């Protein structure tokens, strides 16, 4: 009975991990001026990824100490999602 629910949760976590990775890559591309946010497509993609990931990354950023310009909250979230996914796979 629980198998389909756990399977869907695992797939949602996988999708969120990919979105998190895309957010990190886009933020690097913007930070190093590889892409220009004045381009509407780039701005829309960056805004979408920010809105999807920020509700989860915000509390992690407040919990972590300030490391200057280095933001390790996506790394922490990526590993937390990976641990949750591994736990759910054990339930199957």
C-alpha atoms as a PDB file:
ATOM      1  CA  UNK A   1       0.000   0.000   0.000  1.00  0.00           C
ATOM      2  CA  UNK A   2       2.814   2.430   0.824  1.00  0.00           C
ATOM      3  CA  UNK A   3       5.004   1.528  -2.164  1.00  0.00           C
ATOM      4  CA  UNK A   4       3.392   3.903  -4.705  1.00  0.00           C
ATOM      5  CA  UNK A   5       3.495   6.807  -2.244  1.00  0.00           C
ATOM      6  CA  UNK A   6       7.152   6.198  -1.423  1.00  0.00           C
ATOM      7  CA  UNK A   7       7.945   5.840  -5.129  1.00  0.00           C
ATOM      8  CA  UNK A   8       6.314   9.208  -5.898  1.00  0.00           C
ATOM      9  CA  UNK A   9       8.165  10.849  -2.989  1.00  0.00           C
ATOM     10  CA  UNK A  10      11.475   9.497  -4.288  1.00  0.00           C
ATOM     11  CA  UNK A  11      10.753  10.871  -7.767  1.00  0.00           C
ATOM     12  CA  UNK A  12       9.806  14.287  -6.330  1.00  0.00           C
ATOM     13  CA  UNK A  13      13.060  14.379  -4.366  1.00  0.00           C
ATOM     14  CA  UNK A  14      15.031  13.430  -7.493  1.00  0.00           C
ATOM     15  CA  UNK A  15      13.331  16.196  -9.466  1.00  0.00           C
ATOM     16  CA  UNK A  16      14.063  18.716  -6.721  1.00  0.00           C
ATOM     17  CA  UNK A  17      17.717  17.664  -6.664  1.00  0.00           C
ATOM     18  CA  UNK A  18      17.943  18.352 -10.412  1.00  0.00           C
ATOM     19  CA  UNK A  19      16.264  21.735  -9.940  1.00  0.00           C
ATOM     20  CA  UNK A  20      18.720  22.520  -7.143  1.00  0.00           C
ATOM     21  CA  UNK A  21      21.644  21.624  -9.389  1.00  0.00           C
ATOM     22  CA  UNK A  22      20.221  23.826 -12.157  1.00  0.00           C
ATOM     23  CA  UNK A  23      19.828  26.682  -9.650  1.00  0.00           C
ATOM     24  CA  UNK A  24      23.472  26.396  -8.615  1.00  0.00           C
ATOM     25  CA  UNK A  25      24.691  26.335 -12.222  1.00  0.00           C
ATOM     26  CA  UNK A  26      22.525  29.299 -13.260  1.00  0.00           C
ATOM     27  CA  UNK A  27      23.607  31.312 -10.222  1.00  0.00           C
ATOM     28  CA  UNK A  28      27.265  30.665 -11.091  1.00  0.00           C
ATOM     29  CA  UNK A  29      26.682  31.643 -14.714  1.00  0.00           C
ATOM     30  CA  UNK A  30      25.054  34.879 -13.575  1.00  0.00           C
ATOM     31  CA  UNK A  31      27.739  35.595 -10.965  1.00  0.00           C
ATOM     32  CA  UNK A  32      30.567  35.176 -13.493  1.00  0.00           C
ATOM     33  CA  UNK A  33      28.732  37.228 -16.171  1.00  0.00           C
ATOM     34  CA  UNK A  34      28.493  34.331 -18.588  1.00  0.00           C
ATOM     35  CA  UNK A  35      24.777  34.976 -19.066  1.00  0.00           C
ATOM     36  CA  UNK A  36      22.988  38.287 -18.827  1.00  0.00           C
ATOM     37  CA  UNK A  37      19.866  38.598 -16.691  1.00  0.00           C
ATOM     38  CA  UNK A  38      18.560  41.327 -19.009  1.00  0.00           C
ATOM     39  CA  UNK A  39      17.744  38.489 -21.385  1.00  0.00           C
ATOM     40  CA  UNK A  40      14.103  37.624 -20.650  1.00  0.00           C
ATOM     41  CA  UNK A  41      14.589  33.868 -20.991  1.00  0.00           C
ATOM     42  CA  UNK A  42      17.534  33.815 -18.605  1.00  0.00           C
ATOM     43  CA  UNK A  43      15.704  36.053 -16.146  1.00  0.00           C
ATOM     44  CA  UNK A  44      12.610  33.824 -16.260  1.00  0.00           C
ATOM     45  CA  UNK A  45      14.631  30.647 -15.704  1.00  0.00           C
ATOM     46  CA  UNK A  46      16.634  32.206 -12.871  1.00  0.00           C
ATOM     47  CA  UNK A  47      13.480  33.561 -11.224  1.00  0.00           C
ATOM     48  CA  UNK A  48      11.714  30.187 -11.489  1.00  0.00           C
ATOM     49  CA  UNK A  49      14.657  28.305  -9.988  1.00  0.00           C
ATOM     50  CA  UNK A  50      15.029  30.892  -7.218  1.00  0.00           C
ATOM     51  CA  UNK A  51      11.338  30.689  -6.307  1.00  0.00           C
ATOM     52  CA  UNK A  52      11.413  26.881  -6.236  1.00  0.00           C
ATOM     53  CA  UNK A  53      14.578  26.458  -4.171  1.00  0.00           C
ATOM     54  CA  UNK A  54      14.568  29.497  -1.864  1.00  0.00           C
ATOM     55  CA  UNK A  55      11.825  28.290   0.536  1.00  0.00           C
ATOM     56  CA  UNK A  56      14.052  25.331   1.403  1.00  0.00           C
ATOM     57  CA  UNK A  57      17.442  27.056   1.176  1.00  0.00           C
ATOM     58  CA  UNK A  58      16.443  30.078   3.279  1.00  0.00           C
ATOM     59  CA  UNK A  59      16.097  28.239   6.614  1.00  0.00           C
ATOM     60  CA  UNK A  60      19.329  26.342   5.934  1.00  0.00           C
ATOM     61  CA  UNK A  61      21.151  29.638   5.291  1.00  0.00           C
ATOM     62  CA  UNK A  62      19.891  31.047   8.600  1.00  0.00           C
ATOM     63  CA  UNK A  63      21.062  27.905  10.417  1.00  0.00           C
ATOM     64  CA  UNK A  64      24.568  27.817   8.878  1.00  0.00           C
ATOM     65  CA  UNK A  65      27.308  30.183  10.042  1.00  0.00           C
ATOM     66  CA  UNK A  66      28.329  33.076   7.801  1.00  0.00           C
ATOM     67  CA  UNK A  67      31.245  32.000   5.601  1.00  0.00           C
ATOM     68  CA  UNK A  68      31.673  35.310   3.818  1.00  0.00           C
ATOM     69  CA  UNK A  69      30.816  35.016   0.145  1.00  0.00           C
ATOM     70  CA  UNK A  70      30.641  31.234   0.195  1.00  0.00           C
ATOM     71  CA  UNK A  71      27.144  29.745   0.271  1.00  0.00           C
ATOM     72  CA  UNK A  72      27.200  26.049   1.104  1.00  0.00           C
ATOM     73  CA  UNK A  73      23.459  25.736   1.730  1.00  0.00           C
ATOM     74  CA  UNK A  74      22.814  24.000  -1.649  1.00  0.00           C
ATOM     75  CA  UNK A  75      25.447  21.395  -0.791  1.00  0.00           C
ATOM     76  CA  UNK A  76      23.889  20.771   2.614  1.00  0.00           C
ATOM     77  CA  UNK A  77      20.415  20.520   1.068  1.00  0.00           C
ATOM     78  CA  UNK A  78      21.643  18.202  -1.687  1.00  0.00           C
ATOM     79  CA  UNK A  79      23.089  15.773   0.852  1.00  0.00           C
ATOM     80  CA  UNK A  80      20.002  15.992   3.075  1.00  0.00           C
ATOM     81  CA  UNK A  81      17.796  15.141   0.106  1.00  0.00           C
ATOM     82  CA  UNK A  82      20.102  12.290  -0.795  1.00  0.00           C
ATOM     83  CA  UNK A  83      19.885  10.885   2.741  1.00  0.00           C
ATOM     84  CA  UNK A  84      16.098  11.152   2.743  1.00  0.00           C
ATOM     85  CA  UNK A  85      15.941   9.439  -0.625  1.00  0.00           C
ATOM     86  CA  UNK A  86      18.179   6.585   0.558  1.00  0.00           C
ATOM     87  CA  UNK A  87      16.001   6.141   3.643  1.00  0.00           C
ATOM     88  CA  UNK A  88      12.858   5.999   1.502  1.00  0.00           C
ATOM     89  CA  UNK A  89      14.452   3.464  -0.824  1.00  0.00           C
ATOM     90  CA  UNK A  90      15.122   1.233   2.181  1.00  0.00           C
ATOM     91  CA  UNK A  91      11.416   1.382   2.967  1.00  0.00           C
ATOM     92  CA  UNK A  92      10.679  -0.161  -0.414  1.00  0.00           C
END
